[in-house]
Amino acid sequence: MSDQTATAVRDAEAAAVQARAEASQLKRQCLSAIADLLPGQADAIAKRLAHAQPATTKALGPSGVKALRDQIAARAAEIAADLREAEYLIEWPRSHEAAPRDVRSAFFKYLYGRRLAALARALKDHGYDVHDDNAQGAQSAVLPQYLYDEKILEPLVDGLASLAAAEKALSQAQAAHDLQTVDDLWADD
């Protein structure tokens, strides 16, 4: 009888390996898509802040705005390059019910702080208020969710859910095999 459960374990292992490979590919595709959008999104964030604080923008003048945009573009390119290599650095959700909010949270944890602070610092260095006058000194002008459209996350969310389901099925198959093996070994001849 343990031959049947061993076969089920092998099948579940194969399915889990396939799901891991697919999830890994989806992670890379998602990271690449966000990285591709990042320079334009960073420029759009800067422009929104420029519109919200027109006195600062006018004081910069054409050469100051160009310098700001160049600095934003350079920082965005650095963050994009970092993001393309982040597949194994991001704490991806492991739940069998991976939801968009879980993936958003993973991106937030990875990007917020030092990485996006570089963009906020460029804005602040040019005179913009980046809303960092709170007790933690955390800025709120450049947030991870401003860098991508949530539709980009949907295939990844589905892939992570499939991976979690495959890993759960493997765990259940292994538990059934262990139980059957012990029962077979314990059986009276």
N, C-alpha and C. Protein backbone atom coordinates (compact mmCIF):
# COMPACT_ATOMS: atom_id res chain seq x y z
N MET A 1 0.82 -1.20 0.00
CA MET A 1 0.00 0.00 0.00
C MET A 1 0.86 1.27 0.00
N SER A 2 2.05 1.21 0.63
CA SER A 2 2.89 2.40 0.66
C SER A 2 3.45 2.74 -0.72
N ASP A 3 3.39 1.79 -1.68
CA ASP A 3 3.79 2.09 -3.06
C ASP A 3 2.88 3.14 -3.68
N GLN A 4 1.59 3.04 -3.39
CA GLN A 4 0.63 4.03 -3.92
C GLN A 4 0.91 5.41 -3.32
N THR A 5 1.15 5.45 -2.02
CA THR A 5 1.40 6.75 -1.39
C THR A 5 2.76 7.30 -1.83
N ALA A 6 3.74 6.43 -2.08
CA ALA A 6 5.05 6.89 -2.59
C ALA A 6 4.88 7.50 -3.98
N THR A 7 4.04 6.88 -4.80
CA THR A 7 3.76 7.43 -6.12
C THR A 7 3.08 8.80 -6.00
N ALA A 8 2.15 8.91 -5.06
CA ALA A 8 1.47 10.19 -4.84
C ALA A 8 2.46 11.26 -4.39
N VAL A 9 3.43 10.88 -3.56
CA VAL A 9 4.46 11.84 -3.12
C VAL A 9 5.30 12.28 -4.32
N ARG A 10 5.73 11.33 -5.15
CA ARG A 10 6.53 11.68 -6.34
C ARG A 10 5.75 12.62 -7.27
N ASP A 11 4.48 12.33 -7.46
CA ASP A 11 3.65 13.19 -8.32
C ASP A 11 3.51 14.58 -7.71
N ALA A 12 3.30 14.63 -6.40
CA ALA A 12 3.16 15.93 -5.72
C ALA A 12 4.47 16.70 -5.75
N GLU A 13 5.60 15.99 -5.61
CA GLU A 13 6.91 16.65 -5.70
C GLU A 13 7.12 17.25 -7.09
N ALA A 14 6.75 16.51 -8.11
CA ALA A 14 6.89 17.01 -9.49
C ALA A 14 6.02 18.24 -9.71
N ALA A 15 4.81 18.19 -9.19
CA ALA A 15 3.91 19.35 -9.32
C ALA A 15 4.46 20.56 -8.56
N ALA A 16 5.05 20.33 -7.38
CA ALA A 16 5.62 21.43 -6.60
C ALA A 16 6.83 22.03 -7.30
N VAL A 17 7.67 21.18 -7.89
CA VAL A 17 8.84 21.68 -8.64
C VAL A 17 8.37 22.55 -9.81
N GLN A 18 7.36 22.08 -10.52
CA GLN A 18 6.81 22.85 -11.64
C GLN A 18 6.22 24.18 -11.17
N ALA A 19 5.48 24.14 -10.07
CA ALA A 19 4.87 25.37 -9.54
C ALA A 19 5.95 26.35 -9.07
N ARG A 20 7.03 25.84 -8.48
CA ARG A 20 8.13 26.72 -8.06
C ARG A 20 8.77 27.40 -9.26
N ALA A 21 8.99 26.64 -10.32
CA ALA A 21 9.60 27.20 -11.53
C ALA A 21 8.68 28.27 -12.14
N GLU A 22 7.40 27.99 -12.20
CA GLU A 22 6.45 28.95 -12.75
C GLU A 22 6.37 30.20 -11.89
N ALA A 23 6.35 30.03 -10.55
CA ALA A 23 6.30 31.19 -9.65
C ALA A 23 7.56 32.03 -9.79
N SER A 24 8.69 31.37 -9.92
CA SER A 24 9.95 32.09 -10.09
C SER A 24 9.94 32.91 -11.38
N GLN A 25 9.46 32.31 -12.45
CA GLN A 25 9.37 33.04 -13.72
C GLN A 25 8.41 34.23 -13.58
N LEU A 26 7.29 34.04 -12.91
CA LEU A 26 6.33 35.13 -12.72
C LEU A 26 6.91 36.24 -11.85
N LYS A 27 7.70 35.88 -10.86
CA LYS A 27 8.36 36.90 -10.03
C LYS A 27 9.28 37.75 -10.89
N ARG A 28 10.10 37.08 -11.69
CA ARG A 28 11.04 37.82 -12.55
C ARG A 28 10.30 38.71 -13.54
N GLN A 29 9.21 38.19 -14.13
CA GLN A 29 8.43 38.99 -15.08
C GLN A 29 7.81 40.21 -14.39
N CYS A 30 7.28 40.01 -13.20
CA CYS A 30 6.65 41.10 -12.46
C CYS A 30 7.69 42.15 -12.08
N LEU A 31 8.82 41.70 -11.56
CA LEU A 31 9.88 42.63 -11.17
C LEU A 31 10.38 43.41 -12.39
N SER A 32 10.52 42.74 -13.50
CA SER A 32 10.97 43.39 -14.72
C SER A 32 9.95 44.42 -15.20
N ALA A 33 8.68 44.07 -15.14
CA ALA A 33 7.63 45.00 -15.58
C ALA A 33 7.61 46.25 -14.70
N ILE A 34 7.74 46.06 -13.40
CA ILE A 34 7.76 47.22 -12.49
C ILE A 34 9.02 48.04 -12.74
N ALA A 35 10.16 47.36 -12.91
CA ALA A 35 11.41 48.07 -13.18
C ALA A 35 11.32 48.89 -14.47
N ASP A 36 10.65 48.33 -15.48
CA ASP A 36 10.48 49.06 -16.74
C ASP A 36 9.66 50.33 -16.55
N LEU A 37 8.65 50.25 -15.69
CA LEU A 37 7.78 51.40 -15.44
C LEU A 37 8.39 52.42 -14.48
N LEU A 38 9.30 51.99 -13.66
CA LEU A 38 9.78 52.81 -12.56
C LEU A 38 10.31 54.19 -12.95
N PRO A 39 11.15 54.32 -13.96
CA PRO A 39 11.63 55.67 -14.30
C PRO A 39 10.49 56.64 -14.65
N GLY A 40 9.54 56.19 -15.45
CA GLY A 40 8.40 57.05 -15.80
C GLY A 40 7.53 57.36 -14.60
N GLN A 41 7.32 56.37 -13.75
CA GLN A 41 6.51 56.59 -12.55
C GLN A 41 7.21 57.55 -11.59
N ALA A 42 8.51 57.40 -11.44
CA ALA A 42 9.27 58.31 -10.56
C ALA A 42 9.18 59.74 -11.08
N ASP A 43 9.29 59.91 -12.39
CA ASP A 43 9.17 61.24 -12.98
C ASP A 43 7.76 61.80 -12.75
N ALA A 44 6.75 60.94 -12.87
CA ALA A 44 5.36 61.38 -12.64
C ALA A 44 5.14 61.78 -11.19
N ILE A 45 5.74 61.05 -10.25
CA ILE A 45 5.64 61.41 -8.83
C ILE A 45 6.26 62.78 -8.61
N ALA A 46 7.43 62.99 -9.19
CA ALA A 46 8.11 64.29 -9.05
C ALA A 46 7.27 65.41 -9.66
N LYS A 47 6.65 65.13 -10.79
CA LYS A 47 5.82 66.16 -11.43
C LYS A 47 4.59 66.47 -10.58
N ARG A 48 3.97 65.44 -10.00
CA ARG A 48 2.82 65.70 -9.11
C ARG A 48 3.23 66.57 -7.93
N LEU A 49 4.39 66.28 -7.36
CA LEU A 49 4.88 67.08 -6.24
C LEU A 49 5.21 68.49 -6.72
N ALA A 50 5.74 68.62 -7.94
CA ALA A 50 6.04 69.95 -8.50
C ALA A 50 4.75 70.75 -8.67
N HIS A 51 3.68 70.09 -9.11
CA HIS A 51 2.39 70.78 -9.24
C HIS A 51 1.83 71.13 -7.86
N ALA A 52 2.03 70.28 -6.90
CA ALA A 52 1.50 70.53 -5.55
C ALA A 52 2.27 71.63 -4.83
N GLN A 53 3.52 71.85 -5.23
CA GLN A 53 4.36 72.86 -4.60
C GLN A 53 4.95 73.78 -5.67
N PRO A 54 4.06 74.55 -6.34
CA PRO A 54 4.52 75.34 -7.49
C PRO A 54 5.56 76.41 -7.14
N ALA A 55 5.53 76.96 -5.95
CA ALA A 55 6.51 77.99 -5.60
C ALA A 55 7.93 77.40 -5.64
N THR A 56 8.08 76.19 -5.14
CA THR A 56 9.39 75.53 -5.17
C THR A 56 9.81 75.27 -6.61
N THR A 57 8.88 74.81 -7.41
CA THR A 57 9.18 74.50 -8.81
C THR A 57 9.59 75.76 -9.56
N LYS A 58 8.86 76.83 -9.34
CA LYS A 58 9.20 78.09 -10.02
C LYS A 58 10.57 78.59 -9.58
N ALA A 59 10.87 78.43 -8.30
CA ALA A 59 12.16 78.89 -7.78
C ALA A 59 13.32 78.08 -8.39
N LEU A 60 13.07 76.84 -8.72
CA LEU A 60 14.12 76.02 -9.35
C LEU A 60 14.45 76.52 -10.75
N GLY A 61 13.44 76.98 -11.47
CA GLY A 61 13.66 77.42 -12.84
C GLY A 61 13.96 76.25 -13.76
N PRO A 62 14.13 76.53 -15.03
CA PRO A 62 14.34 75.45 -16.01
C PRO A 62 15.58 74.59 -15.71
N SER A 63 16.68 75.20 -15.35
CA SER A 63 17.89 74.42 -15.11
C SER A 63 17.77 73.59 -13.83
N GLY A 64 17.09 74.11 -12.83
CA GLY A 64 16.88 73.36 -11.60
C GLY A 64 15.94 72.19 -11.79
N VAL A 65 14.89 72.41 -12.58
CA VAL A 65 13.95 71.32 -12.88
C VAL A 65 14.67 70.24 -13.68
N LYS A 66 15.50 70.65 -14.65
CA LYS A 66 16.25 69.66 -15.43
C LYS A 66 17.19 68.88 -14.52
N ALA A 67 17.88 69.55 -13.62
CA ALA A 67 18.79 68.87 -12.69
C ALA A 67 18.02 67.89 -11.81
N LEU A 68 16.84 68.31 -11.33
CA LEU A 68 16.01 67.43 -10.52
C LEU A 68 15.59 66.20 -11.31
N ARG A 69 15.11 66.42 -12.51
CA ARG A 69 14.64 65.29 -13.33
C ARG A 69 15.80 64.34 -13.67
N ASP A 70 16.98 64.89 -13.91
CA ASP A 70 18.14 64.04 -14.17
C ASP A 70 18.48 63.20 -12.94
N GLN A 71 18.41 63.83 -11.79
CA GLN A 71 18.71 63.12 -10.54
C GLN A 71 17.65 62.04 -10.26
N ILE A 72 16.39 62.39 -10.48
CA ILE A 72 15.30 61.41 -10.29
C ILE A 72 15.48 60.24 -11.26
N ALA A 73 15.82 60.53 -12.50
CA ALA A 73 16.02 59.47 -13.50
C ALA A 73 17.18 58.56 -13.09
N ALA A 74 18.26 59.14 -12.61
CA ALA A 74 19.42 58.33 -12.20
C ALA A 74 19.07 57.45 -11.01
N ARG A 75 18.41 58.01 -10.03
CA ARG A 75 18.01 57.22 -8.85
C ARG A 75 17.00 56.14 -9.23
N ALA A 76 16.06 56.48 -10.09
CA ALA A 76 15.06 55.51 -10.53
C ALA A 76 15.73 54.36 -11.28
N ALA A 77 16.72 54.67 -12.10
CA ALA A 77 17.44 53.62 -12.83
C ALA A 77 18.17 52.69 -11.86
N GLU A 78 18.74 53.24 -10.80
CA GLU A 78 19.41 52.42 -9.78
C GLU A 78 18.41 51.50 -9.08
N ILE A 79 17.26 52.05 -8.72
CA ILE A 79 16.24 51.26 -8.04
C ILE A 79 15.70 50.18 -8.98
N ALA A 80 15.51 50.53 -10.24
CA ALA A 80 15.02 49.56 -11.23
C ALA A 80 16.02 48.41 -11.38
N ALA A 81 17.30 48.73 -11.46
CA ALA A 81 18.32 47.68 -11.59
C ALA A 81 18.31 46.79 -10.35
N ASP A 82 18.18 47.38 -9.19
CA ASP A 82 18.10 46.63 -7.94
C ASP A 82 16.88 45.72 -7.94
N LEU A 83 15.77 46.24 -8.39
CA LEU A 83 14.51 45.49 -8.39
C LEU A 83 14.59 44.27 -9.31
N ARG A 84 15.25 44.41 -10.43
CA ARG A 84 15.39 43.29 -11.37
C ARG A 84 16.13 42.10 -10.74
N GLU A 85 16.96 42.37 -9.75
CA GLU A 85 17.76 41.33 -9.10
C GLU A 85 17.19 40.91 -7.74
N ALA A 86 15.96 41.29 -7.44
CA ALA A 86 15.41 41.14 -6.09
C ALA A 86 14.57 39.88 -5.87
N GLU A 87 14.53 38.98 -6.83
CA GLU A 87 13.65 37.81 -6.70
C GLU A 87 13.85 37.07 -5.38
N TYR A 88 15.10 36.89 -4.98
CA TYR A 88 15.38 36.12 -3.77
C TYR A 88 15.54 37.00 -2.53
N LEU A 89 15.37 38.30 -2.69
CA LEU A 89 15.51 39.22 -1.56
C LEU A 89 14.16 39.66 -0.99
N ILE A 90 13.13 39.54 -1.77
CA ILE A 90 11.80 39.95 -1.34
C ILE A 90 11.16 38.82 -0.54
N GLU A 91 10.51 39.18 0.53
CA GLU A 91 9.80 38.19 1.36
C GLU A 91 8.42 37.97 0.77
N TRP A 92 8.34 37.03 -0.18
CA TRP A 92 7.09 36.75 -0.87
C TRP A 92 6.10 36.06 0.07
N PRO A 93 4.81 36.28 -0.14
CA PRO A 93 3.81 35.61 0.70
C PRO A 93 3.85 34.10 0.47
N ARG A 94 3.65 33.35 1.54
CA ARG A 94 3.69 31.89 1.47
C ARG A 94 2.32 31.27 1.68
N SER A 95 1.34 32.06 1.95
CA SER A 95 -0.01 31.57 2.23
C SER A 95 -0.62 30.90 1.01
N HIS A 96 -1.48 29.89 1.24
CA HIS A 96 -2.15 29.24 0.11
C HIS A 96 -3.22 30.16 -0.47
N GLU A 97 -3.47 31.25 0.18
CA GLU A 97 -4.42 32.23 -0.34
C GLU A 97 -3.71 33.56 -0.55
N ALA A 98 -2.64 33.54 -1.31
CA ALA A 98 -1.91 34.76 -1.60
C ALA A 98 -2.87 35.76 -2.25
N ALA A 99 -2.94 36.92 -1.66
CA ALA A 99 -3.85 37.96 -2.14
C ALA A 99 -3.01 39.13 -2.66
N PRO A 100 -3.61 39.97 -3.49
CA PRO A 100 -2.87 41.13 -3.97
C PRO A 100 -2.26 41.96 -2.83
N ARG A 101 -2.99 42.09 -1.74
CA ARG A 101 -2.46 42.89 -0.62
C ARG A 101 -1.19 42.27 -0.04
N ASP A 102 -1.07 40.93 -0.10
CA ASP A 102 0.12 40.26 0.41
C ASP A 102 1.33 40.55 -0.48
N VAL A 103 1.11 40.57 -1.78
CA VAL A 103 2.20 40.88 -2.70
C VAL A 103 2.55 42.36 -2.60
N ARG A 104 1.55 43.23 -2.50
CA ARG A 104 1.81 44.66 -2.29
C ARG A 104 2.64 44.88 -1.03
N SER A 105 2.28 44.16 0.01
CA SER A 105 3.01 44.28 1.28
C SER A 105 4.46 43.84 1.11
N ALA A 106 4.69 42.77 0.36
CA ALA A 106 6.06 42.31 0.12
C ALA A 106 6.86 43.38 -0.62
N PHE A 107 6.26 43.99 -1.63
CA PHE A 107 6.94 45.07 -2.35
C PHE A 107 7.18 46.26 -1.43
N PHE A 108 6.19 46.60 -0.62
CA PHE A 108 6.34 47.73 0.28
C PHE A 108 7.53 47.50 1.21
N LYS A 109 7.60 46.32 1.82
CA LYS A 109 8.69 46.02 2.75
C LYS A 109 10.05 46.10 2.06
N TYR A 110 10.09 45.68 0.82
CA TYR A 110 11.37 45.68 0.11
C TYR A 110 11.77 47.09 -0.34
N LEU A 111 10.83 47.84 -0.88
CA LEU A 111 11.17 49.12 -1.49
C LEU A 111 11.19 50.30 -0.52
N TYR A 112 10.29 50.30 0.45
CA TYR A 112 10.18 51.47 1.32
C TYR A 112 11.38 51.52 2.25
N GLY A 113 11.80 52.71 2.52
CA GLY A 113 12.99 52.89 3.35
C GLY A 113 14.13 53.37 2.49
N ARG A 114 15.27 52.73 2.63
CA ARG A 114 16.50 53.17 1.97
C ARG A 114 16.35 53.32 0.46
N ARG A 115 15.66 52.39 -0.21
CA ARG A 115 15.57 52.45 -1.66
C ARG A 115 14.78 53.67 -2.14
N LEU A 116 13.57 53.83 -1.62
CA LEU A 116 12.76 54.98 -2.07
C LEU A 116 13.18 56.28 -1.40
N ALA A 117 13.88 56.17 -0.30
CA ALA A 117 14.39 57.39 0.34
C ALA A 117 15.33 58.14 -0.59
N ALA A 118 16.00 57.41 -1.48
CA ALA A 118 16.89 58.05 -2.45
C ALA A 118 16.12 58.99 -3.37
N LEU A 119 14.93 58.57 -3.79
CA LEU A 119 14.10 59.45 -4.62
C LEU A 119 13.59 60.64 -3.80
N ALA A 120 13.13 60.36 -2.60
CA ALA A 120 12.62 61.43 -1.73
C ALA A 120 13.73 62.43 -1.40
N ARG A 121 14.95 61.92 -1.19
CA ARG A 121 16.08 62.80 -0.88
C ARG A 121 16.36 63.74 -2.06
N ALA A 122 16.27 63.23 -3.27
CA ALA A 122 16.50 64.09 -4.45
C ALA A 122 15.46 65.21 -4.47
N LEU A 123 14.22 64.88 -4.18
CA LEU A 123 13.17 65.89 -4.14
C LEU A 123 13.41 66.90 -3.02
N LYS A 124 13.75 66.39 -1.86
CA LYS A 124 13.99 67.27 -0.71
C LYS A 124 15.20 68.17 -0.95
N ASP A 125 16.25 67.61 -1.55
CA ASP A 125 17.45 68.40 -1.84
C ASP A 125 17.17 69.56 -2.79
N HIS A 126 16.09 69.43 -3.56
CA HIS A 126 15.70 70.51 -4.47
C HIS A 126 14.62 71.41 -3.87
N GLY A 127 14.37 71.24 -2.58
CA GLY A 127 13.48 72.16 -1.87
C GLY A 127 12.06 71.69 -1.64
N TYR A 128 11.71 70.51 -2.11
CA TYR A 128 10.33 70.02 -1.95
C TYR A 128 10.11 69.43 -0.57
N ASP A 129 8.91 69.62 -0.07
CA ASP A 129 8.50 69.00 1.19
C ASP A 129 8.06 67.58 0.86
N VAL A 130 8.77 66.61 1.43
CA VAL A 130 8.44 65.20 1.18
C VAL A 130 7.68 64.59 2.35
N HIS A 131 7.17 65.45 3.21
CA HIS A 131 6.33 65.02 4.33
C HIS A 131 7.06 64.04 5.24
N ASP A 132 8.28 64.44 5.64
CA ASP A 132 9.08 63.59 6.51
C ASP A 132 9.25 64.20 7.91
N ASP A 133 8.30 65.03 8.28
CA ASP A 133 8.40 65.71 9.57
C ASP A 133 7.64 64.99 10.68
N ASN A 134 7.42 63.70 10.52
CA ASN A 134 6.74 62.91 11.54
C ASN A 134 7.76 62.37 12.54
N ALA A 135 7.29 61.71 13.57
CA ALA A 135 8.16 61.22 14.64
C ALA A 135 9.21 60.23 14.13
N GLN A 136 8.86 59.45 13.12
CA GLN A 136 9.80 58.46 12.60
C GLN A 136 10.73 59.05 11.54
N GLY A 137 10.43 60.22 11.05
CA GLY A 137 11.23 60.81 9.98
C GLY A 137 11.00 60.12 8.64
N ALA A 138 9.92 59.37 8.54
CA ALA A 138 9.62 58.63 7.32
C ALA A 138 8.90 59.54 6.33
N GLN A 139 9.33 59.50 5.09
CA GLN A 139 8.73 60.33 4.06
C GLN A 139 7.47 59.65 3.51
N SER A 140 6.56 60.46 3.00
CA SER A 140 5.34 59.89 2.40
C SER A 140 5.08 60.44 1.00
N ALA A 141 6.08 61.04 0.40
CA ALA A 141 5.91 61.58 -0.95
C ALA A 141 6.11 60.50 -2.01
N VAL A 142 6.96 59.53 -1.73
CA VAL A 142 7.28 58.48 -2.69
C VAL A 142 7.02 57.13 -2.01
N LEU A 143 5.90 56.53 -2.36
CA LEU A 143 5.52 55.25 -1.77
C LEU A 143 5.56 54.15 -2.83
N PRO A 144 5.86 52.92 -2.44
CA PRO A 144 5.97 51.84 -3.42
C PRO A 144 4.75 51.68 -4.32
N GLN A 145 3.57 51.84 -3.76
CA GLN A 145 2.35 51.63 -4.57
C GLN A 145 2.18 52.68 -5.67
N TYR A 146 2.96 53.75 -5.62
CA TYR A 146 2.91 54.75 -6.67
C TYR A 146 3.71 54.32 -7.91
N LEU A 147 4.45 53.23 -7.80
CA LEU A 147 5.39 52.85 -8.86
C LEU A 147 4.86 51.83 -9.85
N TYR A 148 3.66 51.29 -9.60
CA TYR A 148 3.15 50.26 -10.49
C TYR A 148 1.62 50.24 -10.47
N ASP A 149 1.08 49.62 -11.50
CA ASP A 149 -0.35 49.37 -11.60
C ASP A 149 -0.59 47.98 -11.02
N GLU A 150 -1.58 47.84 -10.18
CA GLU A 150 -1.83 46.56 -9.52
C GLU A 150 -2.13 45.41 -10.48
N LYS A 151 -2.55 45.71 -11.69
CA LYS A 151 -2.82 44.64 -12.66
C LYS A 151 -1.55 43.85 -12.97
N ILE A 152 -0.41 44.48 -12.83
CA ILE A 152 0.87 43.81 -13.05
C ILE A 152 1.04 42.65 -12.06
N LEU A 153 0.46 42.79 -10.88
CA LEU A 153 0.63 41.80 -9.83
C LEU A 153 -0.24 40.56 -9.99
N GLU A 154 -1.33 40.66 -10.75
CA GLU A 154 -2.32 39.57 -10.81
C GLU A 154 -1.73 38.21 -11.21
N PRO A 155 -0.94 38.12 -12.28
CA PRO A 155 -0.38 36.80 -12.62
C PRO A 155 0.52 36.24 -11.51
N LEU A 156 1.28 37.12 -10.86
CA LEU A 156 2.15 36.68 -9.78
C LEU A 156 1.34 36.18 -8.59
N VAL A 157 0.28 36.89 -8.25
CA VAL A 157 -0.59 36.46 -7.15
C VAL A 157 -1.13 35.06 -7.45
N ASP A 158 -1.60 34.85 -8.67
CA ASP A 158 -2.12 33.53 -9.05
C ASP A 158 -1.02 32.47 -8.98
N GLY A 159 0.17 32.81 -9.45
CA GLY A 159 1.28 31.86 -9.42
C GLY A 159 1.70 31.50 -8.01
N LEU A 160 1.72 32.50 -7.11
CA LEU A 160 2.07 32.22 -5.72
C LEU A 160 1.01 31.37 -5.04
N ALA A 161 -0.25 31.60 -5.38
CA ALA A 161 -1.33 30.77 -4.83
C ALA A 161 -1.21 29.34 -5.34
N SER A 162 -0.87 29.16 -6.60
CA SER A 162 -0.67 27.82 -7.16
C SER A 162 0.51 27.12 -6.49
N LEU A 163 1.57 27.86 -6.26
CA LEU A 163 2.74 27.30 -5.58
C LEU A 163 2.37 26.85 -4.17
N ALA A 164 1.67 27.69 -3.45
CA ALA A 164 1.28 27.34 -2.08
C ALA A 164 0.38 26.11 -2.08
N ALA A 165 -0.53 26.03 -3.04
CA ALA A 165 -1.42 24.86 -3.12
C ALA A 165 -0.62 23.59 -3.44
N ALA A 166 0.37 23.69 -4.33
CA ALA A 166 1.20 22.53 -4.67
C ALA A 166 2.03 22.09 -3.47
N GLU A 167 2.55 23.05 -2.73
CA GLU A 167 3.34 22.71 -1.54
C GLU A 167 2.46 22.09 -0.46
N LYS A 168 1.24 22.57 -0.34
CA LYS A 168 0.31 21.98 0.61
C LYS A 168 -0.04 20.55 0.20
N ALA A 169 -0.28 20.34 -1.08
CA ALA A 169 -0.59 18.99 -1.56
C ALA A 169 0.59 18.05 -1.33
N LEU A 170 1.81 18.53 -1.52
CA LEU A 170 3.00 17.73 -1.26
C LEU A 170 3.09 17.36 0.21
N SER A 171 2.84 18.31 1.06
CA SER A 171 2.87 18.06 2.51
C SER A 171 1.84 17.01 2.90
N GLN A 172 0.65 17.12 2.34
CA GLN A 172 -0.41 16.15 2.64
C GLN A 172 -0.07 14.77 2.10
N ALA A 173 0.51 14.71 0.90
CA ALA A 173 0.90 13.42 0.32
C ALA A 173 2.00 12.78 1.16
N GLN A 174 2.95 13.60 1.62
CA GLN A 174 4.04 13.07 2.45
C GLN A 174 3.50 12.55 3.78
N ALA A 175 2.57 13.29 4.36
CA ALA A 175 1.96 12.85 5.63
C ALA A 175 1.20 11.54 5.43
N ALA A 176 0.46 11.41 4.33
CA ALA A 176 -0.28 10.17 4.06
C ALA A 176 0.69 9.01 3.82
N HIS A 177 1.79 9.29 3.12
CA HIS A 177 2.79 8.25 2.88
C HIS A 177 3.45 7.82 4.19
N ASP A 178 3.80 8.77 5.03
CA ASP A 178 4.41 8.44 6.32
C ASP A 178 3.47 7.57 7.16
N LEU A 179 2.21 7.97 7.20
CA LEU A 179 1.22 7.21 7.96
C LEU A 179 1.09 5.79 7.41
N GLN A 180 0.99 5.69 6.09
CA GLN A 180 0.83 4.37 5.48
C GLN A 180 2.08 3.51 5.67
N THR A 181 3.25 4.11 5.56
CA THR A 181 4.50 3.36 5.75
C THR A 181 4.59 2.81 7.17
N VAL A 182 4.28 3.64 8.15
CA VAL A 182 4.31 3.18 9.55
C VAL A 182 3.28 2.07 9.74
N ASP A 183 2.08 2.26 9.20
CA ASP A 183 1.05 1.22 9.32
C ASP A 183 1.51 -0.08 8.68
N ASP A 184 2.15 0.02 7.51
CA ASP A 184 2.66 -1.19 6.84
C ASP A 184 3.73 -1.88 7.67
N LEU A 185 4.61 -1.07 8.25
CA LEU A 185 5.67 -1.64 9.08
C LEU A 185 5.13 -2.24 10.37
N TRP A 186 4.07 -1.71 10.84
CA TRP A 186 3.47 -2.13 12.12
C TRP A 186 2.53 -3.32 11.94
N ALA A 187 2.16 -3.59 10.73
CA ALA A 187 1.17 -4.64 10.47
C ALA A 187 1.66 -5.99 10.94
N ASP A 188 0.74 -6.75 11.45
CA ASP A 188 1.04 -8.13 11.86
C ASP A 188 1.06 -8.99 10.60
N ASP A 189 2.05 -9.85 10.53
CA ASP A 189 2.13 -10.73 9.36
C ASP A 189 1.22 -11.90 9.48
